[in-house]
Amino acid sequence: MFHAGEIRPIAPVKKARKLFQGHPGPSNRDSPHTLSAFMANKVTNKERSAIVEFSVGPDIFAWVILPLLIFSARICDVSLGTIRVIFISKGFKYIAPVIGFFEVIIWLVAIGQVMNNLTNVASYIAYGGGFACGTFIGMIVEEKLSIGTVTVRVITRKDATALMAYLRSENYGVTSIDAEGSTGQVKILFMIIKRQDQGKVVSIIQRFNPNAFYSVEETKSVADGVFPEKKSGVLFNYRDPFGFFRKGK
């Protein structure tokens, strides 16, 4: 029976009191402060056991986690370095230093870990593997961005009137000249197009004149030209959201 105003202990407290009765300690075993300290000690011991059980051993960190971190860092900094060099070759002088800033910071982190673990062979392998993968990934990223302009040269013996008319209807600037090749009279077409349109233009050439000879060359800078207008439903161009690659940059 419990009277009014009396506090009935809950089940966990009862259990703790039962465990505490056989535990050596101060004479005032029923003190709330002493009981709280005992329960806290019990929880702390359980937490410590869990931490020891699920903690990562030094061998796993040295031979698995650390090499993966070095590998990932090298992929990032080498990819940025590859993109930076390509941007420099294309004349994008404002974005290249920004990329170089982040590139060298990531490289310092990676090389610092290697120097701190000189006896770890896995770090050397991860460092070299990250360099190779970073170069490849950087080239893929730059190709997907399709930044810059290219010059397309077409040489054909077939009448190119239909081809030129279709390209001009698509708002591509086409310049044609008559020339003489090793097999007789030919027509040479010149176009300067955006790199992202290269696949479309090549497919048009192959559709109108499958036997035409064509070449594509990188163009570092263009003063002016006729290019198709790209209308996008998004608020900004994902390839150039801050205007780093606009003409004159």
C-alpha atoms as a PDB file:
ATOM      1  CA  MET A   1       0.000   0.000   0.000  1.00  0.00           C
ATOM      2  CA  PHE A   2       1.183   3.502  -0.879  1.00  0.00           C
ATOM      3  CA  HIS A   3       0.009   6.608   0.863  1.00  0.00           C
ATOM      4  CA  ALA A   4      -0.607  10.006  -0.662  1.00  0.00           C
ATOM      5  CA  GLY A   5       2.569  11.928  -1.391  1.00  0.00           C
ATOM      6  CA  GLU A   6       4.725   8.800  -1.389  1.00  0.00           C
ATOM      7  CA  ILE A   7       6.888   8.266  -4.511  1.00  0.00           C
ATOM      8  CA  ARG A   8       6.835   4.752  -5.900  1.00  0.00           C
ATOM      9  CA  PRO A   9      10.222   3.709  -7.355  1.00  0.00           C
ATOM     10  CA  ILE A  10      10.155   2.647 -10.985  1.00  0.00           C
ATOM     11  CA  ALA A  11      11.382  -0.750 -12.198  1.00  0.00           C
ATOM     12  CA  PRO A  12      14.894   0.271 -13.373  1.00  0.00           C
ATOM     13  CA  VAL A  13      15.609   1.907 -10.013  1.00  0.00           C
ATOM     14  CA  LYS A  14      14.471  -1.235  -8.194  1.00  0.00           C
ATOM     15  CA  LYS A  15      16.780  -3.322 -10.333  1.00  0.00           C
ATOM     16  CA  ALA A  16      19.671  -0.976  -9.698  1.00  0.00           C
ATOM     17  CA  ARG A  17      19.056  -1.106  -5.940  1.00  0.00           C
ATOM     18  CA  LYS A  18      19.062  -4.901  -6.072  1.00  0.00           C
ATOM     19  CA  LEU A  19      22.392  -4.939  -7.904  1.00  0.00           C
ATOM     20  CA  PHE A  20      23.778  -2.337  -5.578  1.00  0.00           C
ATOM     21  CA  GLN A  21      22.965  -4.244  -2.382  1.00  0.00           C
ATOM     22  CA  GLY A  22      25.786  -6.724  -2.963  1.00  0.00           C
ATOM     23  CA  HIS A  23      28.251  -4.094  -4.147  1.00  0.00           C
ATOM     24  CA  PRO A  24      30.835  -2.966  -1.585  1.00  0.00           C
ATOM     25  CA  GLY A  25      30.762   0.730  -0.969  1.00  0.00           C
ATOM     26  CA  PRO A  26      29.881   3.426   1.556  1.00  0.00           C
ATOM     27  CA  SER A  27      27.547   2.659   4.449  1.00  0.00           C
ATOM     28  CA  ASN A  28      24.828   4.939   3.126  1.00  0.00           C
ATOM     29  CA  ARG A  29      23.824   2.558   0.314  1.00  0.00           C
ATOM     30  CA  ASP A  30      20.337   3.939  -0.072  1.00  0.00           C
ATOM     31  CA  SER A  31      21.540   7.477  -0.799  1.00  0.00           C
ATOM     32  CA  PRO A  32      20.153   8.732  -4.140  1.00  0.00           C
ATOM     33  CA  HIS A  33      23.496  10.311  -5.038  1.00  0.00           C
ATOM     34  CA  THR A  34      25.381   7.089  -4.382  1.00  0.00           C
ATOM     35  CA  LEU A  35      22.844   5.085  -6.375  1.00  0.00           C
ATOM     36  CA  SER A  36      23.076   7.508  -9.325  1.00  0.00           C
ATOM     37  CA  ALA A  37      26.867   7.253  -9.319  1.00  0.00           C
ATOM     38  CA  PHE A  38      26.641   3.461  -9.297  1.00  0.00           C
ATOM     39  CA  MET A  39      24.217   3.437 -12.255  1.00  0.00           C
ATOM     40  CA  ALA A  40      26.418   5.900 -14.169  1.00  0.00           C
ATOM     41  CA  ASN A  41      29.406   3.659 -13.537  1.00  0.00           C
ATOM     42  CA  LYS A  42      27.475   0.677 -14.908  1.00  0.00           C
ATOM     43  CA  VAL A  43      26.530   2.579 -18.110  1.00  0.00           C
ATOM     44  CA  THR A  44      30.064   3.823 -18.576  1.00  0.00           C
ATOM     45  CA  ASN A  45      31.458   0.308 -18.383  1.00  0.00           C
ATOM     46  CA  LYS A  46      28.960  -0.905 -21.008  1.00  0.00           C
ATOM     47  CA  GLU A  47      29.817   1.973 -23.314  1.00  0.00           C
ATOM     48  CA  ARG A  48      33.497   1.259 -22.920  1.00  0.00           C
ATOM     49  CA  SER A  49      32.922  -2.382 -23.793  1.00  0.00           C
ATOM     50  CA  ALA A  50      31.007  -1.383 -26.922  1.00  0.00           C
ATOM     51  CA  ILE A  51      33.751   1.025 -27.986  1.00  0.00           C
ATOM     52  CA  VAL A  52      36.434  -1.622 -27.549  1.00  0.00           C
ATOM     53  CA  GLU A  53      34.339  -4.174 -29.419  1.00  0.00           C
ATOM     54  CA  PHE A  54      33.611  -1.973 -32.474  1.00  0.00           C
ATOM     55  CA  SER A  55      36.843   0.021 -32.597  1.00  0.00           C
ATOM     56  CA  VAL A  56      39.021  -0.150 -35.715  1.00  0.00           C
ATOM     57  CA  GLY A  57      42.327  -1.853 -35.208  1.00  0.00           C
ATOM     58  CA  PRO A  58      45.597  -0.149 -36.180  1.00  0.00           C
ATOM     59  CA  ASP A  59      46.306  -2.702 -38.913  1.00  0.00           C
ATOM     60  CA  ILE A  60      42.960  -2.054 -40.642  1.00  0.00           C
ATOM     61  CA  PHE A  61      43.542   1.696 -40.565  1.00  0.00           C
ATOM     62  CA  ALA A  62      47.121   1.440 -41.837  1.00  0.00           C
ATOM     63  CA  TRP A  63      46.490  -1.051 -44.640  1.00  0.00           C
ATOM     64  CA  VAL A  64      42.908  -0.277 -45.687  1.00  0.00           C
ATOM     65  CA  ILE A  65      41.508   3.073 -44.571  1.00  0.00           C
ATOM     66  CA  LEU A  66      44.653   5.186 -44.986  1.00  0.00           C
ATOM     67  CA  PRO A  67      45.459   3.894 -48.512  1.00  0.00           C
ATOM     68  CA  LEU A  68      41.842   4.514 -49.556  1.00  0.00           C
ATOM     69  CA  LEU A  69      42.048   8.096 -48.294  1.00  0.00           C
ATOM     70  CA  ILE A  70      45.322   8.676 -50.154  1.00  0.00           C
ATOM     71  CA  PHE A  71      43.890   7.070 -53.296  1.00  0.00           C
ATOM     72  CA  SER A  72      40.785   9.288 -53.177  1.00  0.00           C
ATOM     73  CA  ALA A  73      42.820  12.441 -52.535  1.00  0.00           C
ATOM     74  CA  ARG A  74      45.097  11.704 -55.482  1.00  0.00           C
ATOM     75  CA  ILE A  75      42.126  11.135 -57.768  1.00  0.00           C
ATOM     76  CA  CYS A  76      40.756  14.543 -56.779  1.00  0.00           C
ATOM     77  CA  ASP A  77      43.960  16.556 -57.113  1.00  0.00           C
ATOM     78  CA  VAL A  78      45.184  14.904 -60.332  1.00  0.00           C
ATOM     79  CA  SER A  79      41.752  15.272 -61.935  1.00  0.00           C
ATOM     80  CA  LEU A  80      41.793  18.948 -61.051  1.00  0.00           C
ATOM     81  CA  GLY A  81      45.346  19.234 -62.387  1.00  0.00           C
ATOM     82  CA  THR A  82      44.400  17.630 -65.698  1.00  0.00           C
ATOM     83  CA  ILE A  83      41.432  19.958 -66.099  1.00  0.00           C
ATOM     84  CA  ARG A  84      43.585  22.951 -65.131  1.00  0.00           C
ATOM     85  CA  VAL A  85      46.205  22.176 -67.793  1.00  0.00           C
ATOM     86  CA  ILE A  86      43.508  21.766 -70.449  1.00  0.00           C
ATOM     87  CA  PHE A  87      41.938  25.066 -69.427  1.00  0.00           C
ATOM     88  CA  ILE A  88      45.321  26.800 -69.661  1.00  0.00           C
ATOM     89  CA  SER A  89      45.827  25.425 -73.183  1.00  0.00           C
ATOM     90  CA  LYS A  90      42.415  26.802 -74.151  1.00  0.00           C
ATOM     91  CA  GLY A  91      43.195  30.253 -72.757  1.00  0.00           C
ATOM     92  CA  PHE A  92      40.847  30.250 -69.734  1.00  0.00           C
ATOM     93  CA  LYS A  93      43.151  32.262 -67.504  1.00  0.00           C
ATOM     94  CA  TYR A  94      40.698  33.082 -64.698  1.00  0.00           C
ATOM     95  CA  ILE A  95      39.391  29.650 -63.765  1.00  0.00           C
ATOM     96  CA  ALA A  96      42.779  27.861 -63.953  1.00  0.00           C
ATOM     97  CA  PRO A  97      44.301  29.539 -60.831  1.00  0.00           C
ATOM     98  CA  VAL A  98      41.179  28.723 -58.786  1.00  0.00           C
ATOM     99  CA  ILE A  99      41.438  25.069 -59.724  1.00  0.00           C
ATOM    100  CA  GLY A 100      45.173  25.111 -58.963  1.00  0.00           C
ATOM    101  CA  PHE A 101      44.512  26.465 -55.457  1.00  0.00           C
ATOM    102  CA  PHE A 102      42.338  23.500 -54.461  1.00  0.00           C
ATOM    103  CA  GLU A 103      44.563  21.080 -56.359  1.00  0.00           C
ATOM    104  CA  VAL A 104      47.703  21.880 -54.363  1.00  0.00           C
ATOM    105  CA  ILE A 105      45.888  21.799 -51.003  1.00  0.00           C
ATOM    106  CA  ILE A 106      44.572  18.296 -51.666  1.00  0.00           C
ATOM    107  CA  TRP A 107      48.016  17.230 -52.881  1.00  0.00           C
ATOM    108  CA  LEU A 108      49.645  18.475 -49.664  1.00  0.00           C
ATOM    109  CA  VAL A 109      47.216  16.413 -47.595  1.00  0.00           C
ATOM    110  CA  ALA A 110      47.952  13.276 -49.634  1.00  0.00           C
ATOM    111  CA  ILE A 111      51.737  13.628 -49.692  1.00  0.00           C
ATOM    112  CA  GLY A 112      51.741  14.450 -45.980  1.00  0.00           C
ATOM    113  CA  GLN A 113      50.093  11.135 -45.169  1.00  0.00           C
ATOM    114  CA  VAL A 114      52.594   9.280 -47.347  1.00  0.00           C
ATOM    115  CA  MET A 115      55.552  10.970 -45.652  1.00  0.00           C
ATOM    116  CA  ASN A 116      54.144  10.119 -42.220  1.00  0.00           C
ATOM    117  CA  ASN A 117      53.894   6.445 -43.192  1.00  0.00           C
ATOM    118  CA  LEU A 118      57.086   5.758 -45.131  1.00  0.00           C
ATOM    119  CA  THR A 119      57.116   2.081 -44.144  1.00  0.00           C
ATOM    120  CA  ASN A 120      53.591   1.500 -45.452  1.00  0.00           C
ATOM    121  CA  VAL A 121      53.866   0.001 -48.944  1.00  0.00           C
ATOM    122  CA  ALA A 122      50.090   0.237 -49.439  1.00  0.00           C
ATOM    123  CA  SER A 123      50.357   4.037 -49.287  1.00  0.00           C
ATOM    124  CA  TYR A 124      52.788   4.044 -52.214  1.00  0.00           C
ATOM    125  CA  ILE A 125      50.492   1.836 -54.288  1.00  0.00           C
ATOM    126  CA  ALA A 126      47.481   4.004 -53.445  1.00  0.00           C
ATOM    127  CA  TYR A 127      49.436   7.151 -54.335  1.00  0.00           C
ATOM    128  CA  GLY A 128      50.421   5.827 -57.768  1.00  0.00           C
ATOM    129  CA  GLY A 129      47.019   4.293 -58.461  1.00  0.00           C
ATOM    130  CA  GLY A 130      45.270   7.527 -57.569  1.00  0.00           C
ATOM    131  CA  PHE A 131      47.530   9.424 -59.979  1.00  0.00           C
ATOM    132  CA  ALA A 132      46.681   7.094 -62.870  1.00  0.00           C
ATOM    133  CA  CYS A 133      42.935   7.097 -62.176  1.00  0.00           C
ATOM    134  CA  GLY A 134      42.907  10.854 -61.617  1.00  0.00           C
ATOM    135  CA  THR A 135      44.455  11.493 -65.034  1.00  0.00           C
ATOM    136  CA  PHE A 136      41.856   9.322 -66.739  1.00  0.00           C
ATOM    137  CA  ILE A 137      38.923  10.791 -64.804  1.00  0.00           C
ATOM    138  CA  GLY A 138      40.125  14.342 -65.447  1.00  0.00           C
ATOM    139  CA  MET A 139      40.113  13.733 -69.193  1.00  0.00           C
ATOM    140  CA  ILE A 140      36.602  12.263 -69.033  1.00  0.00           C
ATOM    141  CA  VAL A 141      35.311  15.237 -67.025  1.00  0.00           C
ATOM    142  CA  GLU A 142      36.837  17.736 -69.458  1.00  0.00           C
ATOM    143  CA  GLU A 143      35.353  15.831 -72.387  1.00  0.00           C
ATOM    144  CA  LYS A 144      31.911  15.886 -70.776  1.00  0.00           C
ATOM    145  CA  LEU A 145      32.167  19.627 -70.180  1.00  0.00           C
ATOM    146  CA  SER A 146      32.914  20.157 -73.917  1.00  0.00           C
ATOM    147  CA  ILE A 147      34.367  23.607 -73.378  1.00  0.00           C
ATOM    148  CA  GLY A 148      35.874  25.649 -76.205  1.00  0.00           C
ATOM    149  CA  THR A 149      35.648  25.773 -79.982  1.00  0.00           C
ATOM    150  CA  VAL A 150      36.950  23.584 -82.787  1.00  0.00           C
ATOM    151  CA  THR A 151      37.606  24.062 -86.492  1.00  0.00           C
ATOM    152  CA  VAL A 152      35.999  21.536 -88.836  1.00  0.00           C
ATOM    153  CA  ARG A 153      37.487  21.162 -92.327  1.00  0.00           C
ATOM    154  CA  VAL A 154      35.609  19.137 -94.958  1.00  0.00           C
ATOM    155  CA  ILE A 155      37.063  18.137 -98.340  1.00  0.00           C
ATOM    156  CA  THR A 156      34.672  16.552-100.804  1.00  0.00           C
ATOM    157  CA  ARG A 157      34.510  15.844-104.538  1.00  0.00           C
ATOM    158  CA  LYS A 158      30.733  15.608-104.384  1.00  0.00           C
ATOM    159  CA  ASP A 159      28.512  18.657-104.804  1.00  0.00           C
ATOM    160  CA  ALA A 160      28.264  20.171-101.321  1.00  0.00           C
ATOM    161  CA  THR A 161      25.394  22.597-102.015  1.00  0.00           C
ATOM    162  CA  ALA A 162      22.831  20.590-100.018  1.00  0.00           C
ATOM    163  CA  LEU A 163      25.270  20.103 -97.147  1.00  0.00           C
ATOM    164  CA  MET A 164      26.098  23.819 -96.936  1.00  0.00           C
ATOM    165  CA  ALA A 165      22.434  24.800 -97.140  1.00  0.00           C
ATOM    166  CA  TYR A 166      21.481  22.471 -94.302  1.00  0.00           C
ATOM    167  CA  LEU A 167      24.362  23.612 -92.069  1.00  0.00           C
ATOM    168  CA  ARG A 168      23.479  27.249 -92.634  1.00  0.00           C
ATOM    169  CA  SER A 169      19.828  26.527 -91.885  1.00  0.00           C
ATOM    170  CA  GLU A 170      21.035  25.189 -88.523  1.00  0.00           C
ATOM    171  CA  ASN A 171      22.826  28.532 -88.015  1.00  0.00           C
ATOM    172  CA  TYR A 172      26.354  27.193 -88.501  1.00  0.00           C
ATOM    173  CA  GLY A 173      28.770  29.485 -90.283  1.00  0.00           C
ATOM    174  CA  VAL A 174      30.213  27.769 -93.368  1.00  0.00           C
ATOM    175  CA  THR A 175      32.964  29.080 -95.665  1.00  0.00           C
ATOM    176  CA  SER A 176      33.612  27.229 -98.931  1.00  0.00           C
ATOM    177  CA  ILE A 177      36.397  27.468-101.462  1.00  0.00           C
ATOM    178  CA  ASP A 178      37.207  25.615-104.660  1.00  0.00           C
ATOM    179  CA  ALA A 179      40.479  23.739-104.679  1.00  0.00           C
ATOM    180  CA  GLU A 180      42.334  21.065-106.588  1.00  0.00           C
ATOM    181  CA  GLY A 181      43.402  17.808-104.994  1.00  0.00           C
ATOM    182  CA  SER A 182      45.417  14.830-106.188  1.00  0.00           C
ATOM    183  CA  THR A 183      42.334  13.397-107.913  1.00  0.00           C
ATOM    184  CA  GLY A 184      40.921  16.596-109.378  1.00  0.00           C
ATOM    185  CA  GLN A 185      38.630  19.443-108.359  1.00  0.00           C
ATOM    186  CA  VAL A 186      37.333  19.404-104.760  1.00  0.00           C
ATOM    187  CA  LYS A 187      35.293  21.642-102.491  1.00  0.00           C
ATOM    188  CA  ILE A 188      36.688  22.651 -99.110  1.00  0.00           C
ATOM    189  CA  LEU A 189      34.353  23.734 -96.313  1.00  0.00           C
ATOM    190  CA  PHE A 190      35.515  25.512 -93.168  1.00  0.00           C
ATOM    191  CA  MET A 191      33.475  25.808 -89.983  1.00  0.00           C
ATOM    192  CA  ILE A 192      34.253  27.033 -86.490  1.00  0.00           C
ATOM    193  CA  ILE A 193      31.801  25.473 -84.060  1.00  0.00           C
ATOM    194  CA  LYS A 194      31.418  24.971 -80.347  1.00  0.00           C
ATOM    195  CA  ARG A 195      32.945  21.749 -79.147  1.00  0.00           C
ATOM    196  CA  GLN A 196      29.659  20.577 -77.681  1.00  0.00           C
ATOM    197  CA  ASP A 197      28.191  20.649 -81.231  1.00  0.00           C
ATOM    198  CA  GLN A 198      30.975  18.561 -82.754  1.00  0.00           C
ATOM    199  CA  GLY A 199      29.058  15.290 -82.701  1.00  0.00           C
ATOM    200  CA  LYS A 200      26.003  16.829 -84.327  1.00  0.00           C
ATOM    201  CA  VAL A 201      28.002  18.467 -87.138  1.00  0.00           C
ATOM    202  CA  VAL A 202      29.946  15.280 -87.883  1.00  0.00           C
ATOM    203  CA  SER A 203      26.704  13.300 -88.116  1.00  0.00           C
ATOM    204  CA  ILE A 204      25.315  15.866 -90.590  1.00  0.00           C
ATOM    205  CA  ILE A 205      28.438  15.588 -92.756  1.00  0.00           C
ATOM    206  CA  GLN A 206      28.254  11.798 -92.777  1.00  0.00           C
ATOM    207  CA  ARG A 207      24.564  11.871 -93.645  1.00  0.00           C
ATOM    208  CA  PHE A 208      24.938  14.174 -96.686  1.00  0.00           C
ATOM    209  CA  ASN A 209      28.340  12.936 -97.869  1.00  0.00           C
ATOM    210  CA  PRO A 210      29.502   9.671 -96.252  1.00  0.00           C
ATOM    211  CA  ASN A 211      32.719   9.602 -98.342  1.00  0.00           C
ATOM    212  CA  ALA A 212      33.834  13.143 -97.461  1.00  0.00           C
ATOM    213  CA  PHE A 213      37.182  13.686 -95.769  1.00  0.00           C
ATOM    214  CA  TYR A 214      36.952  15.849 -92.662  1.00  0.00           C
ATOM    215  CA  SER A 215      39.258  16.877 -89.851  1.00  0.00           C
ATOM    216  CA  VAL A 216      38.655  18.530 -86.484  1.00  0.00           C
ATOM    217  CA  GLU A 217      41.210  20.802 -84.815  1.00  0.00           C
ATOM    218  CA  GLU A 218      41.238  22.613 -81.509  1.00  0.00           C
ATOM    219  CA  THR A 219      40.817  26.397 -81.697  1.00  0.00           C
ATOM    220  CA  LYS A 220      42.273  28.402 -78.825  1.00  0.00           C
ATOM    221  CA  SER A 221      40.353  31.652 -79.323  1.00  0.00           C
ATOM    222  CA  VAL A 222      37.723  33.101 -81.633  1.00  0.00           C
ATOM    223  CA  ALA A 223      37.066  36.795 -82.243  1.00  0.00           C
ATOM    224  CA  ASP A 224      33.584  36.384 -83.694  1.00  0.00           C
ATOM    225  CA  GLY A 225      31.488  33.840 -85.516  1.00  0.00           C
ATOM    226  CA  VAL A 226      28.074  32.409 -86.304  1.00  0.00           C
ATOM    227  CA  PHE A 227      26.912  29.870 -83.744  1.00  0.00           C
ATOM    228  CA  PRO A 228      23.529  28.291 -83.010  1.00  0.00           C
ATOM    229  CA  GLU A 229      21.755  29.793 -80.041  1.00  0.00           C
ATOM    230  CA  LYS A 230      21.271  27.395 -77.172  1.00  0.00           C
ATOM    231  CA  LYS A 231      17.989  27.897 -75.358  1.00  0.00           C
ATOM    232  CA  SER A 232      17.813  26.249 -71.977  1.00  0.00           C
ATOM    233  CA  GLY A 233      14.954  26.018 -69.499  1.00  0.00           C
ATOM    234  CA  VAL A 234      17.283  26.292 -66.513  1.00  0.00           C
ATOM    235  CA  LEU A 235      18.217  29.587 -64.927  1.00  0.00           C
ATOM    236  CA  PHE A 236      21.944  29.172 -65.574  1.00  0.00           C
ATOM    237  CA  ASN A 237      24.285  27.246 -67.802  1.00  0.00           C
ATOM    238  CA  TYR A 238      25.598  24.265 -65.829  1.00  0.00           C
ATOM    239  CA  ARG A 239      28.793  24.257 -67.927  1.00  0.00           C
ATOM    240  CA  ASP A 240      29.542  27.899 -67.096  1.00  0.00           C
ATOM    241  CA  PRO A 241      27.380  29.158 -64.199  1.00  0.00           C
ATOM    242  CA  PHE A 242      29.712  32.063 -63.333  1.00  0.00           C
ATOM    243  CA  GLY A 243      30.716  33.173 -66.843  1.00  0.00           C
ATOM    244  CA  PHE A 244      34.345  32.022 -66.680  1.00  0.00           C
ATOM    245  CA  PHE A 245      34.311  30.653 -70.219  1.00  0.00           C
ATOM    246  CA  ARG A 246      32.687  33.515 -72.062  1.00  0.00           C
ATOM    247  CA  LYS A 247      34.307  35.144 -75.037  1.00  0.00           C
ATOM    248  CA  GLY A 248      37.274  37.301 -74.119  1.00  0.00           C
ATOM    249  CA  LYS A 249      38.139  35.309 -70.999  1.00  0.00           C
END
